[in-house]
C-alpha atoms as a PDB file:
ATOM      1  CA  UNK A   1     127.197 196.602 115.383  1.00  0.00           C
ATOM      2  CA  UNK A   2     124.637 194.303 114.006  1.00  0.00           C
ATOM      3  CA  UNK A   3     123.944 191.993 117.135  1.00  0.00           C
ATOM      4  CA  UNK A   4     121.188 194.144 117.526  1.00  0.00           C
ATOM      5  CA  UNK A   5     119.512 193.507 114.674  1.00  0.00           C
ATOM      6  CA  UNK A   6     119.901 190.010 114.419  1.00  0.00           C
ATOM      7  CA  UNK A   7     118.185 189.462 117.605  1.00  0.00           C
ATOM      8  CA  UNK A   8     115.582 191.337 116.167  1.00  0.00           C
ATOM      9  CA  UNK A   9     115.683 189.011 112.918  1.00  0.00           C
ATOM     10  CA  UNK A  10     115.548 185.948 115.256  1.00  0.00           C
ATOM     11  CA  UNK A  11     112.710 187.211 117.250  1.00  0.00           C
ATOM     12  CA  UNK A  12     110.585 188.222 114.215  1.00  0.00           C
ATOM     13  CA  UNK A  13     111.616 185.108 112.483  1.00  0.00           C
ATOM     14  CA  UNK A  14     111.133 182.386 115.505  1.00  0.00           C
ATOM     15  CA  UNK A  15     108.587 184.315 118.290  1.00  0.00           C
ATOM     16  CA  UNK A  16     106.022 186.326 115.621  1.00  0.00           C
ATOM     17  CA  UNK A  17     106.058 184.307 112.452  1.00  0.00           C
ATOM     18  CA  UNK A  18     106.665 180.974 114.622  1.00  0.00           C
ATOM     19  CA  UNK A  19     108.857 179.819 111.660  1.00  0.00           C
ATOM     20  CA  UNK A  20     110.574 176.522 113.117  1.00  0.00           C
ATOM     21  CA  UNK A  21     114.502 177.053 113.360  1.00  0.00           C
ATOM     22  CA  UNK A  22     116.413 174.988 110.861  1.00  0.00           C
ATOM     23  CA  UNK A  23     114.406 175.069 108.067  1.00  0.00           C
ATOM     24  CA  UNK A  24     114.992 176.400 104.461  1.00  0.00           C
ATOM     25  CA  UNK A  25     111.938 178.954 105.054  1.00  0.00           C
ATOM     26  CA  UNK A  26     113.456 180.153 108.479  1.00  0.00           C
ATOM     27  CA  UNK A  27     116.596 180.987 106.697  1.00  0.00           C
ATOM     28  CA  UNK A  28     115.519 182.733 104.225  1.00  0.00           C
ATOM     29  CA  UNK A  29     113.318 184.902 106.132  1.00  0.00           C
ATOM     30  CA  UNK A  30     115.741 185.586 109.264  1.00  0.00           C
ATOM     31  CA  UNK A  31     118.271 186.556 105.998  1.00  0.00           C
ATOM     32  CA  UNK A  32     115.824 189.005 104.766  1.00  0.00           C
ATOM     33  CA  UNK A  33     114.899 190.786 107.851  1.00  0.00           C
ATOM     34  CA  UNK A  34     118.429 190.772 108.812  1.00  0.00           C
ATOM     35  CA  UNK A  35     119.942 192.097 105.628  1.00  0.00           C
ATOM     36  CA  UNK A  36     117.314 194.695 104.619  1.00  0.00           C
ATOM     37  CA  UNK A  37     117.610 196.399 107.964  1.00  0.00           C
ATOM     38  CA  UNK A  38     121.338 196.418 107.267  1.00  0.00           C
ATOM     39  CA  UNK A  39     121.584 196.928 104.071  1.00  0.00           C
ATOM     40  CA  UNK A  40     119.361 200.354 104.528  1.00  0.00           C
ATOM     41  CA  UNK A  41     121.380 201.510 108.028  1.00  0.00           C
ATOM     42  CA  UNK A  42     124.748 201.260 105.864  1.00  0.00           C
ATOM     43  CA  UNK A  43     123.347 202.617 102.514  1.00  0.00           C
ATOM     44  CA  UNK A  44     121.921 205.875 104.749  1.00  0.00           C
ATOM     45  CA  UNK A  45     124.917 205.992 106.559  1.00  0.00           C
ATOM     46  CA  UNK A  46     127.418 205.708 103.204  1.00  0.00           C
ATOM     47  CA  UNK A  47     125.242 207.912 100.939  1.00  0.00           C
ATOM     48  CA  UNK A  48     125.350 210.855 103.746  1.00  0.00           C
ATOM     49  CA  UNK A  49     128.788 210.922 104.237  1.00  0.00           C
ATOM     50  CA  UNK A  50     129.471 210.333 100.396  1.00  0.00           C
ATOM     51  CA  UNK A  51     127.343 212.930  99.643  1.00  0.00           C
ATOM     52  CA  UNK A  52     128.890 215.566 101.915  1.00  0.00           C
ATOM     53  CA  UNK A  53     132.039 214.757 100.322  1.00  0.00           C
ATOM     54  CA  UNK A  54     130.883 215.058  97.209  1.00  0.00           C
ATOM     55  CA  UNK A  55     128.957 218.346  97.518  1.00  0.00           C
ATOM     56  CA  UNK A  56     132.414 220.119  97.101  1.00  0.00           C
ATOM     57  CA  UNK A  57     132.651 218.683  93.654  1.00  0.00           C
ATOM     58  CA  UNK A  58     129.624 219.443  91.360  1.00  0.00           C
ATOM     59  CA  UNK A  59     129.621 218.442  87.902  1.00  0.00           C
ATOM     60  CA  UNK A  60     130.733 221.977  86.908  1.00  0.00           C
ATOM     61  CA  UNK A  61     133.516 222.470  89.081  1.00  0.00           C
ATOM     62  CA  UNK A  62     134.688 218.688  87.926  1.00  0.00           C
ATOM     63  CA  UNK A  63     134.291 219.942  84.667  1.00  0.00           C
ATOM     64  CA  UNK A  64     136.315 223.090  85.253  1.00  0.00           C
ATOM     65  CA  UNK A  65     139.064 220.960  86.500  1.00  0.00           C
ATOM     66  CA  UNK A  66     139.472 218.549  83.894  1.00  0.00           C
ATOM     67  CA  UNK A  67     139.455 221.323  81.208  1.00  0.00           C
ATOM     68  CA  UNK A  68     142.788 222.697  82.134  1.00  0.00           C
ATOM     69  CA  UNK A  69     144.954 223.218  79.025  1.00  0.00           C
ATOM     70  CA  UNK A  70     148.348 222.743  80.148  1.00  0.00           C
ATOM     71  CA  UNK A  71     147.663 219.840  82.203  1.00  0.00           C
ATOM     72  CA  UNK A  72     150.021 216.600  81.884  1.00  0.00           C
ATOM     73  CA  UNK A  73     147.678 214.159  80.070  1.00  0.00           C
ATOM     74  CA  UNK A  74     148.300 211.280  81.982  1.00  0.00           C
ATOM     75  CA  UNK A  75     147.783 213.145  85.124  1.00  0.00           C
ATOM     76  CA  UNK A  76     144.553 214.360  83.360  1.00  0.00           C
ATOM     77  CA  UNK A  77     143.599 210.796  83.135  1.00  0.00           C
ATOM     78  CA  UNK A  78     144.342 209.720  86.394  1.00  0.00           C
ATOM     79  CA  UNK A  79     142.822 213.082  87.834  1.00  0.00           C
ATOM     80  CA  UNK A  80     139.410 212.164  85.643  1.00  0.00           C
ATOM     81  CA  UNK A  81     139.391 208.615  87.122  1.00  0.00           C
ATOM     82  CA  UNK A  82     139.869 209.810  90.570  1.00  0.00           C
ATOM     83  CA  UNK A  83     137.249 212.506  90.031  1.00  0.00           C
ATOM     84  CA  UNK A  84     134.808 210.087  89.151  1.00  0.00           C
ATOM     85  CA  UNK A  85     134.161 208.224  92.424  1.00  0.00           C
ATOM     86  CA  UNK A  86     133.206 211.029  94.224  1.00  0.00           C
ATOM     87  CA  UNK A  87     131.290 212.890  91.816  1.00  0.00           C
ATOM     88  CA  UNK A  88     127.774 212.613  90.995  1.00  0.00           C
ATOM     89  CA  UNK A  89     127.118 209.875  88.081  1.00  0.00           C
ATOM     90  CA  UNK A  90     124.171 208.410  86.777  1.00  0.00           C
ATOM     91  CA  UNK A  91     122.429 206.929  83.243  1.00  0.00           C
ATOM     92  CA  UNK A  92     120.648 210.192  83.346  1.00  0.00           C
ATOM     93  CA  UNK A  93     123.564 212.367  83.616  1.00  0.00           C
ATOM     94  CA  UNK A  94     125.880 210.678  80.934  1.00  0.00           C
ATOM     95  CA  UNK A  95     124.399 212.698  78.141  1.00  0.00           C
ATOM     96  CA  UNK A  96     124.680 216.326  79.600  1.00  0.00           C
ATOM     97  CA  UNK A  97     127.748 215.362  81.284  1.00  0.00           C
ATOM     98  CA  UNK A  98     129.529 214.211  78.212  1.00  0.00           C
ATOM     99  CA  UNK A  99     128.085 217.375  76.382  1.00  0.00           C
ATOM    100  CA  UNK A 100     129.653 219.556  79.118  1.00  0.00           C
ATOM    101  CA  UNK A 101     133.165 217.794  78.945  1.00  0.00           C
ATOM    102  CA  UNK A 102     133.204 218.215  74.863  1.00  0.00           C
ATOM    103  CA  UNK A 103     132.117 221.553  75.002  1.00  0.00           C
ATOM    104  CA  UNK A 104     134.601 222.742  77.962  1.00  0.00           C
ATOM    105  CA  UNK A 105     137.161 221.085  75.373  1.00  0.00           C
ATOM    106  CA  UNK A 106     138.503 217.919  77.703  1.00  0.00           C
ATOM    107  CA  UNK A 107     140.166 215.409  75.438  1.00  0.00           C
ATOM    108  CA  UNK A 108     137.854 212.723  74.359  1.00  0.00           C
ATOM    109  CA  UNK A 109     140.230 210.045  75.872  1.00  0.00           C
ATOM    110  CA  UNK A 110     139.857 212.184  79.583  1.00  0.00           C
ATOM    111  CA  UNK A 111     136.476 212.190  78.966  1.00  0.00           C
ATOM    112  CA  UNK A 112     136.061 208.631  79.315  1.00  0.00           C
ATOM    113  CA  UNK A 113     138.125 208.008  81.616  1.00  0.00           C
ATOM    114  CA  UNK A 114     135.846 209.793  83.829  1.00  0.00           C
ATOM    115  CA  UNK A 115     132.555 208.508  82.326  1.00  0.00           C
ATOM    116  CA  UNK A 116     134.101 204.482  83.214  1.00  0.00           C
ATOM    117  CA  UNK A 117     135.145 205.654  86.459  1.00  0.00           C
ATOM    118  CA  UNK A 118     131.937 207.027  87.603  1.00  0.00           C
ATOM    119  CA  UNK A 119     129.729 204.026  87.530  1.00  0.00           C
ATOM    120  CA  UNK A 120     132.389 201.385  87.542  1.00  0.00           C
ATOM    121  CA  UNK A 121     134.038 202.394  91.030  1.00  0.00           C
ATOM    122  CA  UNK A 122     130.512 203.550  92.808  1.00  0.00           C
ATOM    123  CA  UNK A 123     130.981 204.846  96.373  1.00  0.00           C
ATOM    124  CA  UNK A 124     128.196 202.933  97.600  1.00  0.00           C
ATOM    125  CA  UNK A 125     129.552 199.563  96.591  1.00  0.00           C
ATOM    126  CA  UNK A 126     132.495 200.730  97.498  1.00  0.00           C
ATOM    127  CA  UNK A 127     131.267 201.639 101.148  1.00  0.00           C
ATOM    128  CA  UNK A 128     129.081 198.239 101.430  1.00  0.00           C
ATOM    129  CA  UNK A 129     131.936 196.187 100.117  1.00  0.00           C
ATOM    130  CA  UNK A 130     134.093 197.634 102.953  1.00  0.00           C
ATOM    131  CA  UNK A 131     131.524 197.082 105.489  1.00  0.00           C
ATOM    132  CA  UNK A 132     130.815 193.358 104.462  1.00  0.00           C
ATOM    133  CA  UNK A 133     134.255 192.435 102.862  1.00  0.00           C
ATOM    134  CA  UNK A 134     136.997 193.945 104.311  1.00  0.00           C
ATOM    135  CA  UNK A 135     139.264 196.656 103.480  1.00  0.00           C
ATOM    136  CA  UNK A 136     141.216 194.184 101.213  1.00  0.00           C
ATOM    137  CA  UNK A 137     138.452 193.652  98.886  1.00  0.00           C
ATOM    138  CA  UNK A 138     137.571 197.361  99.180  1.00  0.00           C
ATOM    139  CA  UNK A 139     140.913 198.538  97.560  1.00  0.00           C
ATOM    140  CA  UNK A 140     140.860 196.164  95.085  1.00  0.00           C
ATOM    141  CA  UNK A 141     137.725 197.003  93.767  1.00  0.00           C
ATOM    142  CA  UNK A 142     139.049 200.757  93.749  1.00  0.00           C
ATOM    143  CA  UNK A 143     142.506 199.791  92.277  1.00  0.00           C
ATOM    144  CA  UNK A 144     141.212 197.646  89.737  1.00  0.00           C
ATOM    145  CA  UNK A 145     138.247 200.225  87.999  1.00  0.00           C
ATOM    146  CA  UNK A 146     140.503 203.167  88.274  1.00  0.00           C
ATOM    147  CA  UNK A 147     143.080 201.294  86.243  1.00  0.00           C
ATOM    148  CA  UNK A 148     140.191 199.935  83.896  1.00  0.00           C
ATOM    149  CA  UNK A 149     139.293 203.518  83.348  1.00  0.00           C
ATOM    150  CA  UNK A 150     142.686 205.029  83.201  1.00  0.00           C
ATOM    151  CA  UNK A 151     143.459 202.762  80.664  1.00  0.00           C
ATOM    152  CA  UNK A 152     140.439 202.238  78.803  1.00  0.00           C
ATOM    153  CA  UNK A 153     140.432 206.245  78.677  1.00  0.00           C
ATOM    154  CA  UNK A 154     143.864 206.438  77.144  1.00  0.00           C
ATOM    155  CA  UNK A 155     143.404 203.637  74.554  1.00  0.00           C
ATOM    156  CA  UNK A 156     140.143 205.464  73.394  1.00  0.00           C
ATOM    157  CA  UNK A 157     142.408 208.899  72.778  1.00  0.00           C
ATOM    158  CA  UNK A 158     144.896 207.375  70.963  1.00  0.00           C
ATOM    159  CA  UNK A 159     142.316 205.641  68.464  1.00  0.00           C
ATOM    160  CA  UNK A 160     141.181 209.201  67.650  1.00  0.00           C
ATOM    161  CA  UNK A 161     137.804 208.790  67.393  1.00  0.00           C
ATOM    162  CA  UNK A 162     136.269 212.147  67.945  1.00  0.00           C
ATOM    163  CA  UNK A 163     134.293 211.668  64.254  1.00  0.00           C
ATOM    164  CA  UNK A 164     132.099 209.056  65.929  1.00  0.00           C
ATOM    165  CA  UNK A 165     130.874 211.545  68.408  1.00  0.00           C
ATOM    166  CA  UNK A 166     127.789 212.622  66.981  1.00  0.00           C
ATOM    167  CA  UNK A 167     128.176 215.800  65.111  1.00  0.00           C
ATOM    168  CA  UNK A 168     125.754 217.791  67.078  1.00  0.00           C
ATOM    169  CA  UNK A 169     127.218 217.957  69.950  1.00  0.00           C
ATOM    170  CA  UNK A 170     130.361 219.678  68.870  1.00  0.00           C
ATOM    171  CA  UNK A 171     127.759 222.430  68.061  1.00  0.00           C
ATOM    172  CA  UNK A 172     126.413 222.604  71.435  1.00  0.00           C
ATOM    173  CA  UNK A 173     127.243 225.508  73.819  1.00  0.00           C
ATOM    174  CA  UNK A 174     126.919 224.587  77.514  1.00  0.00           C
ATOM    175  CA  UNK A 175     128.421 228.147  78.454  1.00  0.00           C
ATOM    176  CA  UNK A 176     130.219 229.155  81.330  1.00  0.00           C
ATOM    177  CA  UNK A 177     128.259 227.715  84.547  1.00  0.00           C
ATOM    178  CA  UNK A 178     128.265 229.930  87.993  1.00  0.00           C
ATOM    179  CA  UNK A 179     129.610 227.900  90.938  1.00  0.00           C
ATOM    180  CA  UNK A 180     127.982 228.551  93.792  1.00  0.00           C
ATOM    181  CA  UNK A 181     129.017 225.923  95.804  1.00  0.00           C
ATOM    182  CA  UNK A 182     131.912 227.521  97.377  1.00  0.00           C
ATOM    183  CA  UNK A 183     129.493 229.809  99.379  1.00  0.00           C
ATOM    184  CA  UNK A 184     127.496 227.305 100.832  1.00  0.00           C
ATOM    185  CA  UNK A 185     127.405 227.221 104.615  1.00  0.00           C
ATOM    186  CA  UNK A 186     127.985 224.073 106.493  1.00  0.00           C
ATOM    187  CA  UNK A 187     124.016 223.638 107.591  1.00  0.00           C
ATOM    188  CA  UNK A 188     122.973 224.463 103.668  1.00  0.00           C
ATOM    189  CA  UNK A 189     125.498 221.735 102.802  1.00  0.00           C
ATOM    190  CA  UNK A 190     123.796 219.028 105.871  1.00  0.00           C
ATOM    191  CA  UNK A 191     120.474 219.759 105.059  1.00  0.00           C
ATOM    192  CA  UNK A 192     120.763 219.493 101.159  1.00  0.00           C
ATOM    193  CA  UNK A 193     122.797 215.998 101.834  1.00  0.00           C
ATOM    194  CA  UNK A 194     119.957 214.744 103.692  1.00  0.00           C
ATOM    195  CA  UNK A 195     117.779 215.549 101.806  1.00  0.00           C
ATOM    196  CA  UNK A 196     119.489 214.012  98.703  1.00  0.00           C
ATOM    197  CA  UNK A 197     120.216 211.008 100.871  1.00  0.00           C
ATOM    198  CA  UNK A 198     116.850 210.406 101.687  1.00  0.00           C
ATOM    199  CA  UNK A 199     115.680 211.303  97.852  1.00  0.00           C
ATOM    200  CA  UNK A 200     118.188 208.697  96.734  1.00  0.00           C
ATOM    201  CA  UNK A 201     117.266 205.743  99.300  1.00  0.00           C
ATOM    202  CA  UNK A 202     113.345 206.402  97.959  1.00  0.00           C
ATOM    203  CA  UNK A 203     114.703 205.819  94.349  1.00  0.00           C
ATOM    204  CA  UNK A 204     116.352 202.685  94.881  1.00  0.00           C
ATOM    205  CA  UNK A 205     114.783 200.899  97.727  1.00  0.00           C
ATOM    206  CA  UNK A 206     112.780 199.081  95.383  1.00  0.00           C
ATOM    207  CA  UNK A 207     116.005 197.475  93.516  1.00  0.00           C
ATOM    208  CA  UNK A 208     117.693 196.605  97.049  1.00  0.00           C
ATOM    209  CA  UNK A 209     114.863 195.008  98.409  1.00  0.00           C
ATOM    210  CA  UNK A 210     114.602 193.013  95.425  1.00  0.00           C
ATOM    211  CA  UNK A 211     118.518 191.966  95.454  1.00  0.00           C
ATOM    212  CA  UNK A 212     117.836 191.084  98.864  1.00  0.00           C
ATOM    213  CA  UNK A 213     114.909 189.223  97.874  1.00  0.00           C
ATOM    214  CA  UNK A 214     116.755 187.017  95.505  1.00  0.00           C
ATOM    215  CA  UNK A 215     119.920 186.549  97.867  1.00  0.00           C
ATOM    216  CA  UNK A 216     117.637 185.441 100.833  1.00  0.00           C
ATOM    217  CA  UNK A 217     115.961 182.912  98.483  1.00  0.00           C
ATOM    218  CA  UNK A 218     119.509 181.686  97.332  1.00  0.00           C
ATOM    219  CA  UNK A 219     120.309 181.713 100.837  1.00  0.00           C
ATOM    220  CA  UNK A 220     117.403 179.544 102.020  1.00  0.00           C
ATOM    221  CA  UNK A 221     117.322 177.190  99.250  1.00  0.00           C
ATOM    222  CA  UNK A 222     120.225 176.928  97.324  1.00  0.00           C
ATOM    223  CA  UNK A 223     122.926 174.627  99.602  1.00  0.00           C
ATOM    224  CA  UNK A 224     126.696 176.494 100.444  1.00  0.00           C
ATOM    225  CA  UNK A 225     128.972 175.377  97.163  1.00  0.00           C
ATOM    226  CA  UNK A 226     126.327 174.483  94.797  1.00  0.00           C
ATOM    227  CA  UNK A 227     127.721 176.741  92.152  1.00  0.00           C
ATOM    228  CA  UNK A 228     131.498 175.647  92.821  1.00  0.00           C
ATOM    229  CA  UNK A 229     131.771 173.066  90.436  1.00  0.00           C
ATOM    230  CA  UNK A 230     129.789 175.676  87.264  1.00  0.00           C
ATOM    231  CA  UNK A 231     131.102 179.244  88.251  1.00  0.00           C
ATOM    232  CA  UNK A 232     133.547 178.577  90.655  1.00  0.00           C
ATOM    233  CA  UNK A 233     137.754 179.457  90.441  1.00  0.00           C
ATOM    234  CA  UNK A 234     138.057 176.397  88.062  1.00  0.00           C
ATOM    235  CA  UNK A 235     135.825 177.191  85.738  1.00  0.00           C
ATOM    236  CA  UNK A 236     137.886 179.497  83.032  1.00  0.00           C
ATOM    237  CA  UNK A 237     134.824 180.779  81.032  1.00  0.00           C
ATOM    238  CA  UNK A 238     132.937 181.679  84.388  1.00  0.00           C
ATOM    239  CA  UNK A 239     134.258 184.956  84.410  1.00  0.00           C
ATOM    240  CA  UNK A 240     133.559 185.861  80.731  1.00  0.00           C
ATOM    241  CA  UNK A 241     129.820 184.481  81.599  1.00  0.00           C
ATOM    242  CA  UNK A 242     129.429 186.412  84.669  1.00  0.00           C
ATOM    243  CA  UNK A 243     130.333 189.844  82.691  1.00  0.00           C
ATOM    244  CA  UNK A 244     128.112 189.229  80.213  1.00  0.00           C
ATOM    245  CA  UNK A 245     125.165 188.000  81.909  1.00  0.00           C
ATOM    246  CA  UNK A 246     125.375 191.823  84.063  1.00  0.00           C
ATOM    247  CA  UNK A 247     125.365 193.511  80.822  1.00  0.00           C
ATOM    248  CA  UNK A 248     121.833 193.615  79.861  1.00  0.00           C
ATOM    249  CA  UNK A 249     120.664 193.798  84.033  1.00  0.00           C
ATOM    250  CA  UNK A 250     120.258 197.111  85.296  1.00  0.00           C
ATOM    251  CA  UNK A 251     120.484 197.772  88.809  1.00  0.00           C
ATOM    252  CA  UNK A 252     122.096 199.654  91.528  1.00  0.00           C
ATOM    253  CA  UNK A 253     125.317 199.097  93.447  1.00  0.00           C
ATOM    254  CA  UNK A 254     123.339 198.599  96.847  1.00  0.00           C
ATOM    255  CA  UNK A 255     121.132 195.940  94.972  1.00  0.00           C
ATOM    256  CA  UNK A 256     123.581 193.736  93.528  1.00  0.00           C
ATOM    257  CA  UNK A 257     125.912 193.693  97.149  1.00  0.00           C
ATOM    258  CA  UNK A 258     123.346 191.373  98.555  1.00  0.00           C
ATOM    259  CA  UNK A 259     124.221 189.292  95.515  1.00  0.00           C
ATOM    260  CA  UNK A 260     127.955 189.213  95.769  1.00  0.00           C
ATOM    261  CA  UNK A 261     127.380 188.163  99.207  1.00  0.00           C
ATOM    262  CA  UNK A 262     125.463 185.135  98.244  1.00  0.00           C
ATOM    263  CA  UNK A 263     127.250 184.319  95.323  1.00  0.00           C
ATOM    264  CA  UNK A 264     130.264 183.995  97.681  1.00  0.00           C
ATOM    265  CA  UNK A 265     128.613 181.741  99.862  1.00  0.00           C
ATOM    266  CA  UNK A 266     127.377 179.580  97.105  1.00  0.00           C
ATOM    267  CA  UNK A 267     130.782 179.017  95.622  1.00  0.00           C
ATOM    268  CA  UNK A 268     131.242 181.497  93.104  1.00  0.00           C
ATOM    269  CA  UNK A 269     134.495 183.052  93.207  1.00  0.00           C
ATOM    270  CA  UNK A 270     135.590 186.670  94.070  1.00  0.00           C
ATOM    271  CA  UNK A 271     136.623 187.783  90.824  1.00  0.00           C
ATOM    272  CA  UNK A 272     133.585 186.120  89.252  1.00  0.00           C
ATOM    273  CA  UNK A 273     130.987 187.959  91.590  1.00  0.00           C
ATOM    274  CA  UNK A 274     132.626 191.113  91.265  1.00  0.00           C
ATOM    275  CA  UNK A 275     133.339 190.958  87.440  1.00  0.00           C
ATOM    276  CA  UNK A 276     129.066 190.669  87.356  1.00  0.00           C
ATOM    277  CA  UNK A 277     128.536 193.408  89.653  1.00  0.00           C
ATOM    278  CA  UNK A 278     130.610 195.713  87.358  1.00  0.00           C
ATOM    279  CA  UNK A 279     129.060 195.093  84.357  1.00  0.00           C
ATOM    280  CA  UNK A 280     125.746 195.527  85.655  1.00  0.00           C
ATOM    281  CA  UNK A 281     126.941 199.117  87.342  1.00  0.00           C
ATOM    282  CA  UNK A 282     129.164 200.173  84.340  1.00  0.00           C
ATOM    283  CA  UNK A 283     128.001 198.684  81.055  1.00  0.00           C
ATOM    284  CA  UNK A 284     123.740 198.473  81.753  1.00  0.00           C
ATOM    285  CA  UNK A 285     121.714 198.481  78.720  1.00  0.00           C
ATOM    286  CA  UNK A 286     119.738 201.640  79.852  1.00  0.00           C
ATOM    287  CA  UNK A 287     123.517 203.719  79.738  1.00  0.00           C
ATOM    288  CA  UNK A 288     124.330 202.443  76.664  1.00  0.00           C
ATOM    289  CA  UNK A 289     121.031 203.238  74.956  1.00  0.00           C
ATOM    290  CA  UNK A 290     121.422 206.964  76.635  1.00  0.00           C
ATOM    291  CA  UNK A 291     125.058 207.078  75.537  1.00  0.00           C
ATOM    292  CA  UNK A 292     124.090 206.240  72.049  1.00  0.00           C
ATOM    293  CA  UNK A 293     122.565 210.103  71.732  1.00  0.00           C
ATOM    294  CA  UNK A 294     126.136 211.541  71.725  1.00  0.00           C
ATOM    295  CA  UNK A 295     127.915 208.271  70.771  1.00  0.00           C
ATOM    296  CA  UNK A 296     128.152 206.421  67.032  1.00  0.00           C
ATOM    297  CA  UNK A 297     127.761 202.968  67.118  1.00  0.00           C
ATOM    298  CA  UNK A 298     131.600 201.796  66.459  1.00  0.00           C
ATOM    299  CA  UNK A 299     132.488 204.340  69.289  1.00  0.00           C
ATOM    300  CA  UNK A 300     129.818 202.923  71.488  1.00  0.00           C
ATOM    301  CA  UNK A 301     130.905 199.400  70.574  1.00  0.00           C
ATOM    302  CA  UNK A 302     134.687 200.516  71.411  1.00  0.00           C
ATOM    303  CA  UNK A 303     133.943 201.528  74.882  1.00  0.00           C
ATOM    304  CA  UNK A 304     131.698 198.444  75.478  1.00  0.00           C
ATOM    305  CA  UNK A 305     134.207 195.932  74.174  1.00  0.00           C
ATOM    306  CA  UNK A 306     137.629 197.789  76.129  1.00  0.00           C
ATOM    307  CA  UNK A 307     135.098 198.549  79.463  1.00  0.00           C
ATOM    308  CA  UNK A 308     134.308 194.884  79.038  1.00  0.00           C
ATOM    309  CA  UNK A 309     137.564 193.634  78.489  1.00  0.00           C
ATOM    310  CA  UNK A 310     138.755 195.459  81.539  1.00  0.00           C
ATOM    311  CA  UNK A 311     136.099 193.552  83.763  1.00  0.00           C
ATOM    312  CA  UNK A 312     137.108 190.655  82.612  1.00  0.00           C
ATOM    313  CA  UNK A 313     140.892 190.921  83.168  1.00  0.00           C
ATOM    314  CA  UNK A 314     139.692 192.326  86.701  1.00  0.00           C
ATOM    315  CA  UNK A 315     137.658 189.109  87.063  1.00  0.00           C
ATOM    316  CA  UNK A 316     140.683 187.003  86.571  1.00  0.00           C
ATOM    317  CA  UNK A 317     143.203 189.016  88.109  1.00  0.00           C
ATOM    318  CA  UNK A 318     140.796 188.797  91.597  1.00  0.00           C
ATOM    319  CA  UNK A 319     140.517 185.222  91.573  1.00  0.00           C
ATOM    320  CA  UNK A 320     144.293 184.647  90.949  1.00  0.00           C
ATOM    321  CA  UNK A 321     145.232 187.123  93.390  1.00  0.00           C
ATOM    322  CA  UNK A 322     142.675 186.000  96.281  1.00  0.00           C
ATOM    323  CA  UNK A 323     143.281 182.192  95.159  1.00  0.00           C
END
């Protein structure tokens, strides 16, 4: 599918820029041109398809589904984690979503199953992982993220931590939201999907280019296997280090995937690479700052500790399964 893109990258690198073949600079430039075009093509297609699907699952409808009072609690956790894959979520929507869920009477643990799954099992990351690493890696990514979300939500629910939600959250009345999504025509959905896709790419393109740029430098100037001893599967602390390293960083999944590809080439194991990606997308510092507006420090610490441990366990599990 991408052979014409590779030919274009070769033509630009060797014929237009006239960079000598087999040089480190040529390797980096060629990687940057090829991956930039490839990632943006994949990004457009994946975001368009996922956005169209999730146009049927607005945050308001998600809240309505999860607020069914007679729902089995385990089923509610599973449903919340599954909805987290297809419904909109970003750092800026964390606070209003949380308030809306609490106001609707959704149990705190179920709310967290959703809040953890939504950024952790990122639909763009899922599509890019499938395109770059195949179905097996993509499925393990989804399953591990969903299990972390469900188990974390159950644990938080069992701890009865409602008193560590900021008091003002329980006093807010969002009210009923009129759901008009069902009345939209196909053309309206497609038009809005295209507009959203273009708008999202405008917002994330810088992160993607920076991620590919770092990946291109690693590709050109760092030899294969260079980090195998430091962060390979034989280092028992590599997963923990990668998880902690990813927390203060802020990027999006599309910008991280090119780095994951390069981490693999440099000898970093898949579990360690994915732990880094998950901690960047699910435990980013900006998201923690926003969540602090609705969670008291103790509950926020519990959230970070449980999700962080889940990511670390997943990383070791990946390394064990994939060898």
